[in-house]
PDB file of all heavy atoms in Angstrom:
ATOM      1  N   LYS A   1     101.324  94.376  89.712  1.00  0.00           N
ATOM      2  CA  LYS A   1     101.619  94.718  88.333  1.00  0.00           C
ATOM      3  C   LYS A   1     102.888  95.551  88.277  1.00  0.00           C
ATOM      4  O   LYS A   1     103.284  96.169  89.266  1.00  0.00           O
ATOM      5  CB  LYS A   1     100.458  95.517  87.725  1.00  0.00           C
ATOM      6  CG  LYS A   1      99.104  94.855  87.827  1.00  0.00           C
ATOM      7  CD  LYS A   1      98.015  95.793  87.322  1.00  0.00           C
ATOM      8  CE  LYS A   1      96.652  95.158  87.431  1.00  0.00           C
ATOM      9  NZ  LYS A   1      95.582  96.082  86.972  1.00  0.00           N
ATOM     10  N   ALA A   2     103.502  95.601  87.113  1.00  0.00           N
ATOM     11  CA  ALA A   2     104.699  96.406  86.941  1.00  0.00           C
ATOM     12  C   ALA A   2     104.429  97.868  87.291  1.00  0.00           C
ATOM     13  O   ALA A   2     105.311  98.558  87.803  1.00  0.00           O
ATOM     14  CB  ALA A   2     105.219  96.292  85.509  1.00  0.00           C
ATOM     15  N   GLU A   3     103.213  98.321  87.031  1.00  0.00           N
ATOM     16  CA  GLU A   3     102.836  99.701  87.313  1.00  0.00           C
ATOM     17  C   GLU A   3     102.796 100.015  88.810  1.00  0.00           C
ATOM     18  O   GLU A   3     102.715 101.183  89.188  1.00  0.00           O
ATOM     19  CB  GLU A   3     101.461 100.023  86.706  1.00  0.00           C
ATOM     20  CG  GLU A   3     101.350  99.709  85.224  1.00  0.00           C
ATOM     21  CD  GLU A   3     100.826  98.315  84.977  1.00  0.00           C
ATOM     22  OE1 GLU A   3      99.592  98.151  84.899  1.00  0.00           O
ATOM     23  OE2 GLU A   3     101.654  97.390  84.856  1.00  0.00           O
ATOM     24  N   ASP A   4     102.835  98.988  89.646  1.00  0.00           N
ATOM     25  CA  ASP A   4     102.852  99.192  91.089  1.00  0.00           C
ATOM     26  C   ASP A   4     104.245  99.516  91.614  1.00  0.00           C
ATOM     27  O   ASP A   4     104.400  99.834  92.794  1.00  0.00           O
ATOM     28  CB  ASP A   4     102.317  97.954  91.815  1.00  0.00           C
ATOM     29  CG  ASP A   4     100.860  97.675  91.499  1.00  0.00           C
ATOM     30  OD1 ASP A   4     100.060  98.638  91.467  1.00  0.00           O
ATOM     31  OD2 ASP A   4     100.522  96.495  91.296  1.00  0.00           O
ATOM     32  N   THR A   5     105.244  99.415  90.761  1.00  0.00           N
ATOM     33  CA  THR A   5     106.613  99.720  91.165  1.00  0.00           C
ATOM     34  C   THR A   5     106.711 101.166  91.630  1.00  0.00           C
ATOM     35  O   THR A   5     106.353 102.087  90.905  1.00  0.00           O
ATOM     36  CB  THR A   5     107.588  99.474  90.008  1.00  0.00           C
ATOM     37  OG1 THR A   5     107.597  98.084  89.686  1.00  0.00           O
ATOM     38  CG2 THR A   5     108.999  99.904  90.385  1.00  0.00           C
ATOM     39  N   ALA A   6     107.188 101.358  92.843  1.00  0.00           N
ATOM     40  CA  ALA A   6     107.281 102.692  93.424  1.00  0.00           C
ATOM     41  C   ALA A   6     107.890 102.591  94.815  1.00  0.00           C
ATOM     42  O   ALA A   6     108.046 101.501  95.362  1.00  0.00           O
ATOM     43  CB  ALA A   6     105.893 103.339  93.520  1.00  0.00           C
ATOM     44  N   VAL A   7     108.221 103.739  95.369  1.00  0.00           N
ATOM     45  CA  VAL A   7     108.523 103.815  96.785  1.00  0.00           C
ATOM     46  C   VAL A   7     107.205 104.035  97.510  1.00  0.00           C
ATOM     47  O   VAL A   7     106.451 104.947  97.169  1.00  0.00           O
ATOM     48  CB  VAL A   7     109.504 104.954  97.104  1.00  0.00           C
ATOM     49  CG1 VAL A   7     109.716 105.076  98.610  1.00  0.00           C
ATOM     50  CG2 VAL A   7     110.837 104.715  96.410  1.00  0.00           C
ATOM     51  N   TYR A   8     106.925 103.199  98.479  1.00  0.00           N
ATOM     52  CA  TYR A   8     105.679 103.275  99.225  1.00  0.00           C
ATOM     53  C   TYR A   8     105.926 103.938 100.572  1.00  0.00           C
ATOM     54  O   TYR A   8     106.835 103.557 101.312  1.00  0.00           O
ATOM     55  CB  TYR A   8     105.089 101.882  99.421  1.00  0.00           C
ATOM     56  CG  TYR A   8     104.419 101.354  98.179  1.00  0.00           C
ATOM     57  CD1 TYR A   8     105.173 100.987  97.071  1.00  0.00           C
ATOM     58  CD2 TYR A   8     103.032 101.242  98.098  1.00  0.00           C
ATOM     59  CE1 TYR A   8     104.572 100.529  95.911  1.00  0.00           C
ATOM     60  CE2 TYR A   8     102.419 100.781  96.948  1.00  0.00           C
ATOM     61  CZ  TYR A   8     103.194 100.431  95.858  1.00  0.00           C
ATOM     62  OH  TYR A   8     102.578  99.971  94.717  1.00  0.00           O
ATOM     63  N   TYR A   9     105.098 104.920 100.881  1.00  0.00           N
ATOM     64  CA  TYR A   9     105.232 105.697 102.101  1.00  0.00           C
ATOM     65  C   TYR A   9     104.039 105.497 103.021  1.00  0.00           C
ATOM     66  O   TYR A   9     102.893 105.512 102.578  1.00  0.00           O
ATOM     67  CB  TYR A   9     105.339 107.193 101.784  1.00  0.00           C
ATOM     68  CG  TYR A   9     106.552 107.576 100.986  1.00  0.00           C
ATOM     69  CD1 TYR A   9     106.519 107.583  99.594  1.00  0.00           C
ATOM     70  CD2 TYR A   9     107.738 107.934 101.616  1.00  0.00           C
ATOM     71  CE1 TYR A   9     107.634 107.942  98.855  1.00  0.00           C
ATOM     72  CE2 TYR A   9     108.855 108.294 100.883  1.00  0.00           C
ATOM     73  CZ  TYR A   9     108.795 108.295  99.503  1.00  0.00           C
ATOM     74  OH  TYR A   9     109.897 108.653  98.778  1.00  0.00           O
ATOM     75  N   CYS A  10     104.326 105.348 104.275  1.00  0.00           N
ATOM     76  CA  CYS A  10     103.314 105.336 105.315  1.00  0.00           C
ATOM     77  C   CYS A  10     103.127 106.760 105.823  1.00  0.00           C
ATOM     78  O   CYS A  10     104.103 107.509 105.960  1.00  0.00           O
ATOM     79  CB  CYS A  10     103.771 104.417 106.448  1.00  0.00           C
ATOM     80  SG  CYS A  10     102.707 104.374 107.900  1.00  0.00           S
ATOM     81  N   ALA A  11     101.892 107.149 106.091  1.00  0.00           N
ATOM     82  CA  ALA A  11     101.611 108.488 106.571  1.00  0.00           C
ATOM     83  C   ALA A  11     100.525 108.453 107.643  1.00  0.00           C
ATOM     84  O   ALA A  11      99.689 107.554 107.659  1.00  0.00           O
ATOM     85  CB  ALA A  11     101.175 109.396 105.417  1.00  0.00           C
ATOM     86  N   ALA A  12     100.553 109.440 108.509  1.00  0.00           N
ATOM     87  CA  ALA A  12      99.576 109.530 109.590  1.00  0.00           C
ATOM     88  C   ALA A  12      99.029 110.943 109.688  1.00  0.00           C
ATOM     89  O   ALA A  12      99.758 111.909 109.502  1.00  0.00           O
ATOM     90  CB  ALA A  12     100.209 109.133 110.923  1.00  0.00           C
ATOM     91  N   LYS A  13      97.749 111.022 109.970  1.00  0.00           N
ATOM     92  CA  LYS A  13      97.095 112.300 110.211  1.00  0.00           C
ATOM     93  C   LYS A  13      96.439 112.258 111.580  1.00  0.00           C
ATOM     94  O   LYS A  13      95.753 111.287 111.900  1.00  0.00           O
ATOM     95  CB  LYS A  13      96.039 112.597 109.149  1.00  0.00           C
ATOM     96  CG  LYS A  13      95.260 113.880 109.426  1.00  0.00           C
ATOM     97  CD  LYS A  13      94.234 114.178 108.348  1.00  0.00           C
ATOM     98  CE  LYS A  13      93.427 115.417 108.715  1.00  0.00           C
ATOM     99  NZ  LYS A  13      94.307 116.599 108.907  1.00  0.00           N
ATOM    100  N   LYS A  14      96.656 113.291 112.371  1.00  0.00           N
ATOM    101  CA  LYS A  14      95.996 113.372 113.661  1.00  0.00           C
ATOM    102  C   LYS A  14      94.490 113.472 113.467  1.00  0.00           C
ATOM    103  O   LYS A  14      94.013 114.229 112.633  1.00  0.00           O
ATOM    104  CB  LYS A  14      96.495 114.582 114.451  1.00  0.00           C
ATOM    105  CG  LYS A  14      97.946 114.495 114.880  1.00  0.00           C
ATOM    106  CD  LYS A  14      98.350 115.718 115.670  1.00  0.00           C
ATOM    107  CE  LYS A  14      99.779 115.613 116.145  1.00  0.00           C
ATOM    108  NZ  LYS A  14     100.207 116.808 116.902  1.00  0.00           N
ATOM    109  N   ARG A  15      93.778 112.701 114.220  1.00  0.00           N
ATOM    110  CA  ARG A  15      92.323 112.620 114.153  1.00  0.00           C
ATOM    111  C   ARG A  15      91.858 111.848 112.929  1.00  0.00           C
ATOM    112  O   ARG A  15      92.604 111.661 111.969  1.00  0.00           O
ATOM    113  CB  ARG A  15      91.675 114.009 114.190  1.00  0.00           C
ATOM    114  CG  ARG A  15      92.068 114.838 115.395  1.00  0.00           C
ATOM    115  CD  ARG A  15      91.401 116.195 115.357  1.00  0.00           C
ATOM    116  NE  ARG A  15      91.820 117.014 116.485  1.00  0.00           N
ATOM    117  CZ  ARG A  15      92.927 117.751 116.511  1.00  0.00           C
ATOM    118  NH1 ARG A  15      93.733 117.760 115.467  1.00  0.00           N
ATOM    119  NH2 ARG A  15      93.225 118.467 117.577  1.00  0.00           N
ATOM    120  N   TYR A  16      90.627 111.415 112.960  1.00  0.00           N
ATOM    121  CA  TYR A  16      90.038 110.653 111.860  1.00  0.00           C
ATOM    122  C   TYR A  16      89.575 111.585 110.755  1.00  0.00           C
ATOM    123  O   TYR A  16      88.756 112.481 110.981  1.00  0.00           O
ATOM    124  CB  TYR A  16      88.849 109.850 112.364  1.00  0.00           C
ATOM    125  CG  TYR A  16      89.159 108.500 112.941  1.00  0.00           C
ATOM    126  CD1 TYR A  16      90.443 108.117 113.259  1.00  0.00           C
ATOM    127  CD2 TYR A  16      88.131 107.588 113.173  1.00  0.00           C
ATOM    128  CE1 TYR A  16      90.718 106.875 113.791  1.00  0.00           C
ATOM    129  CE2 TYR A  16      88.391 106.334 113.706  1.00  0.00           C
ATOM    130  CZ  TYR A  16      89.682 105.981 114.009  1.00  0.00           C
ATOM    131  OH  TYR A  16      89.954 104.747 114.538  1.00  0.00           O
ATOM    132  N   LEU A  17      90.076 111.374 109.569  1.00  0.00           N
ATOM    133  CA  LEU A  17      89.629 112.094 108.388  1.00  0.00           C
ATOM    134  C   LEU A  17      89.990 111.241 107.189  1.00  0.00           C
ATOM    135  O   LEU A  17      91.032 111.435 106.554  1.00  0.00           O
ATOM    136  CB  LEU A  17      90.260 113.485 108.303  1.00  0.00           C
ATOM    137  CG  LEU A  17      89.683 114.411 107.225  1.00  0.00           C
ATOM    138  CD1 LEU A  17      88.191 114.620 107.443  1.00  0.00           C
ATOM    139  CD2 LEU A  17      90.400 115.751 107.224  1.00  0.00           C
ATOM    140  N   LEU A  18      89.132 110.309 106.871  1.00  0.00           N
ATOM    141  CA  LEU A  18      89.414 109.306 105.848  1.00  0.00           C
ATOM    142  C   LEU A  18      89.693 109.912 104.482  1.00  0.00           C
ATOM    143  O   LEU A  18      90.470 109.355 103.704  1.00  0.00           O
ATOM    144  CB  LEU A  18      88.240 108.328 105.756  1.00  0.00           C
ATOM    145  CG  LEU A  18      88.457 107.074 104.923  1.00  0.00           C
ATOM    146  CD1 LEU A  18      89.509 106.177 105.566  1.00  0.00           C
ATOM    147  CD2 LEU A  18      87.143 106.320 104.754  1.00  0.00           C
ATOM    148  N   LEU A  19      89.062 111.045 104.195  1.00  0.00           N
ATOM    149  CA  LEU A  19      89.206 111.670 102.891  1.00  0.00           C
ATOM    150  C   LEU A  19      90.278 112.753 102.858  1.00  0.00           C
ATOM    151  O   LEU A  19      90.331 113.541 101.924  1.00  0.00           O
ATOM    152  CB  LEU A  19      87.864 112.256 102.446  1.00  0.00           C
ATOM    153  CG  LEU A  19      86.718 111.255 102.306  1.00  0.00           C
ATOM    154  CD1 LEU A  19      85.441 111.971 101.884  1.00  0.00           C
ATOM    155  CD2 LEU A  19      87.070 110.162 101.312  1.00  0.00           C
ATOM    156  N   ALA A  20      91.135 112.790 103.850  1.00  0.00           N
ATOM    157  CA  ALA A  20      92.178 113.800 103.899  1.00  0.00           C
ATOM    158  C   ALA A  20      93.059 113.743 102.657  1.00  0.00           C
ATOM    159  O   ALA A  20      93.468 112.658 102.232  1.00  0.00           O
ATOM    160  CB  ALA A  20      93.036 113.623 105.147  1.00  0.00           C
ATOM    161  N   PRO A  21      93.373 114.894 102.077  1.00  0.00           N
ATOM    162  CA  PRO A  21      94.280 114.923 100.933  1.00  0.00           C
ATOM    163  C   PRO A  21      95.715 114.688 101.385  1.00  0.00           C
ATOM    164  O   PRO A  21      96.020 114.709 102.573  1.00  0.00           O
ATOM    165  CB  PRO A  21      94.100 116.336 100.386  1.00  0.00           C
ATOM    166  CG  PRO A  21      93.758 117.147 101.602  1.00  0.00           C
ATOM    167  CD  PRO A  21      92.898 116.228 102.449  1.00  0.00           C
ATOM    168  N   ILE A  22      96.595 114.490 100.429  1.00  0.00           N
ATOM    169  CA  ILE A  22      97.969 114.158 100.760  1.00  0.00           C
ATOM    170  C   ILE A  22      98.626 115.214 101.645  1.00  0.00           C
ATOM    171  O   ILE A  22      99.389 114.873 102.556  1.00  0.00           O
ATOM    172  CB  ILE A  22      98.797 113.914  99.473  1.00  0.00           C
ATOM    173  CG1 ILE A  22     100.179 113.365  99.813  1.00  0.00           C
ATOM    174  CG2 ILE A  22      98.894 115.179  98.636  1.00  0.00           C
ATOM    175  CD1 ILE A  22     100.929 112.854  98.602  1.00  0.00           C
ATOM    176  N   ASP A  23      98.331 116.490 101.392  1.00  0.00           N
ATOM    177  CA  ASP A  23      98.934 117.543 102.200  1.00  0.00           C
ATOM    178  C   ASP A  23      98.252 117.717 103.547  1.00  0.00           C
ATOM    179  O   ASP A  23      98.658 118.577 104.329  1.00  0.00           O
ATOM    180  CB  ASP A  23      98.971 118.874 101.439  1.00  0.00           C
ATOM    181  CG  ASP A  23      97.598 119.373 101.031  1.00  0.00           C
ATOM    182  OD1 ASP A  23      96.593 118.705 101.339  1.00  0.00           O
ATOM    183  OD2 ASP A  23      97.529 120.445 100.393  1.00  0.00           O
ATOM    184  N   GLY A  24      97.247 116.915 103.827  1.00  0.00           N
ATOM    185  CA  GLY A  24      96.598 116.936 105.120  1.00  0.00           C
ATOM    186  C   GLY A  24      97.222 115.993 106.130  1.00  0.00           C
ATOM    187  O   GLY A  24      96.864 116.026 107.305  1.00  0.00           O
ATOM    188  N   TYR A  25      98.135 115.160 105.682  1.00  0.00           N
ATOM    189  CA  TYR A  25      98.809 114.230 106.584  1.00  0.00           C
ATOM    190  C   TYR A  25      99.941 114.920 107.328  1.00  0.00           C
ATOM    191  O   TYR A  25     100.663 115.741 106.755  1.00  0.00           O
ATOM    192  CB  TYR A  25      99.316 113.012 105.819  1.00  0.00           C
ATOM    193  CG  TYR A  25      98.215 112.030 105.526  1.00  0.00           C
ATOM    194  CD1 TYR A  25      97.304 112.265 104.504  1.00  0.00           C
ATOM    195  CD2 TYR A  25      98.062 110.875 106.284  1.00  0.00           C
ATOM    196  CE1 TYR A  25      96.266 111.378 104.253  1.00  0.00           C
ATOM    197  CE2 TYR A  25      97.034 109.981 106.029  1.00  0.00           C
ATOM    198  CZ  TYR A  25      96.141 110.232 105.020  1.00  0.00           C
ATOM    199  OH  TYR A  25      95.112 109.346 104.763  1.00  0.00           O
ATOM    200  N   ASP A  26     100.078 114.587 108.590  1.00  0.00           N
ATOM    201  CA  ASP A  26     100.998 115.285 109.471  1.00  0.00           C
ATOM    202  C   ASP A  26     102.374 114.643 109.565  1.00  0.00           C
ATOM    203  O   ASP A  26     103.370 115.334 109.795  1.00  0.00           O
ATOM    204  CB  ASP A  26     100.398 115.361 110.877  1.00  0.00           C
ATOM    205  CG  ASP A  26      99.064 116.083 110.904  1.00  0.00           C
ATOM    206  OD1 ASP A  26      99.037 117.277 110.537  1.00  0.00           O
ATOM    207  OD2 ASP A  26      98.054 115.455 111.296  1.00  0.00           O
TER     208      ASP A  26
END
């Protein structure tokens, strides 16, 4: 959809934490 227009970022967090907030990514 047009609303999907954005810059998409890949991020990684050490260890498994599926519910990690955005500031939890390393």
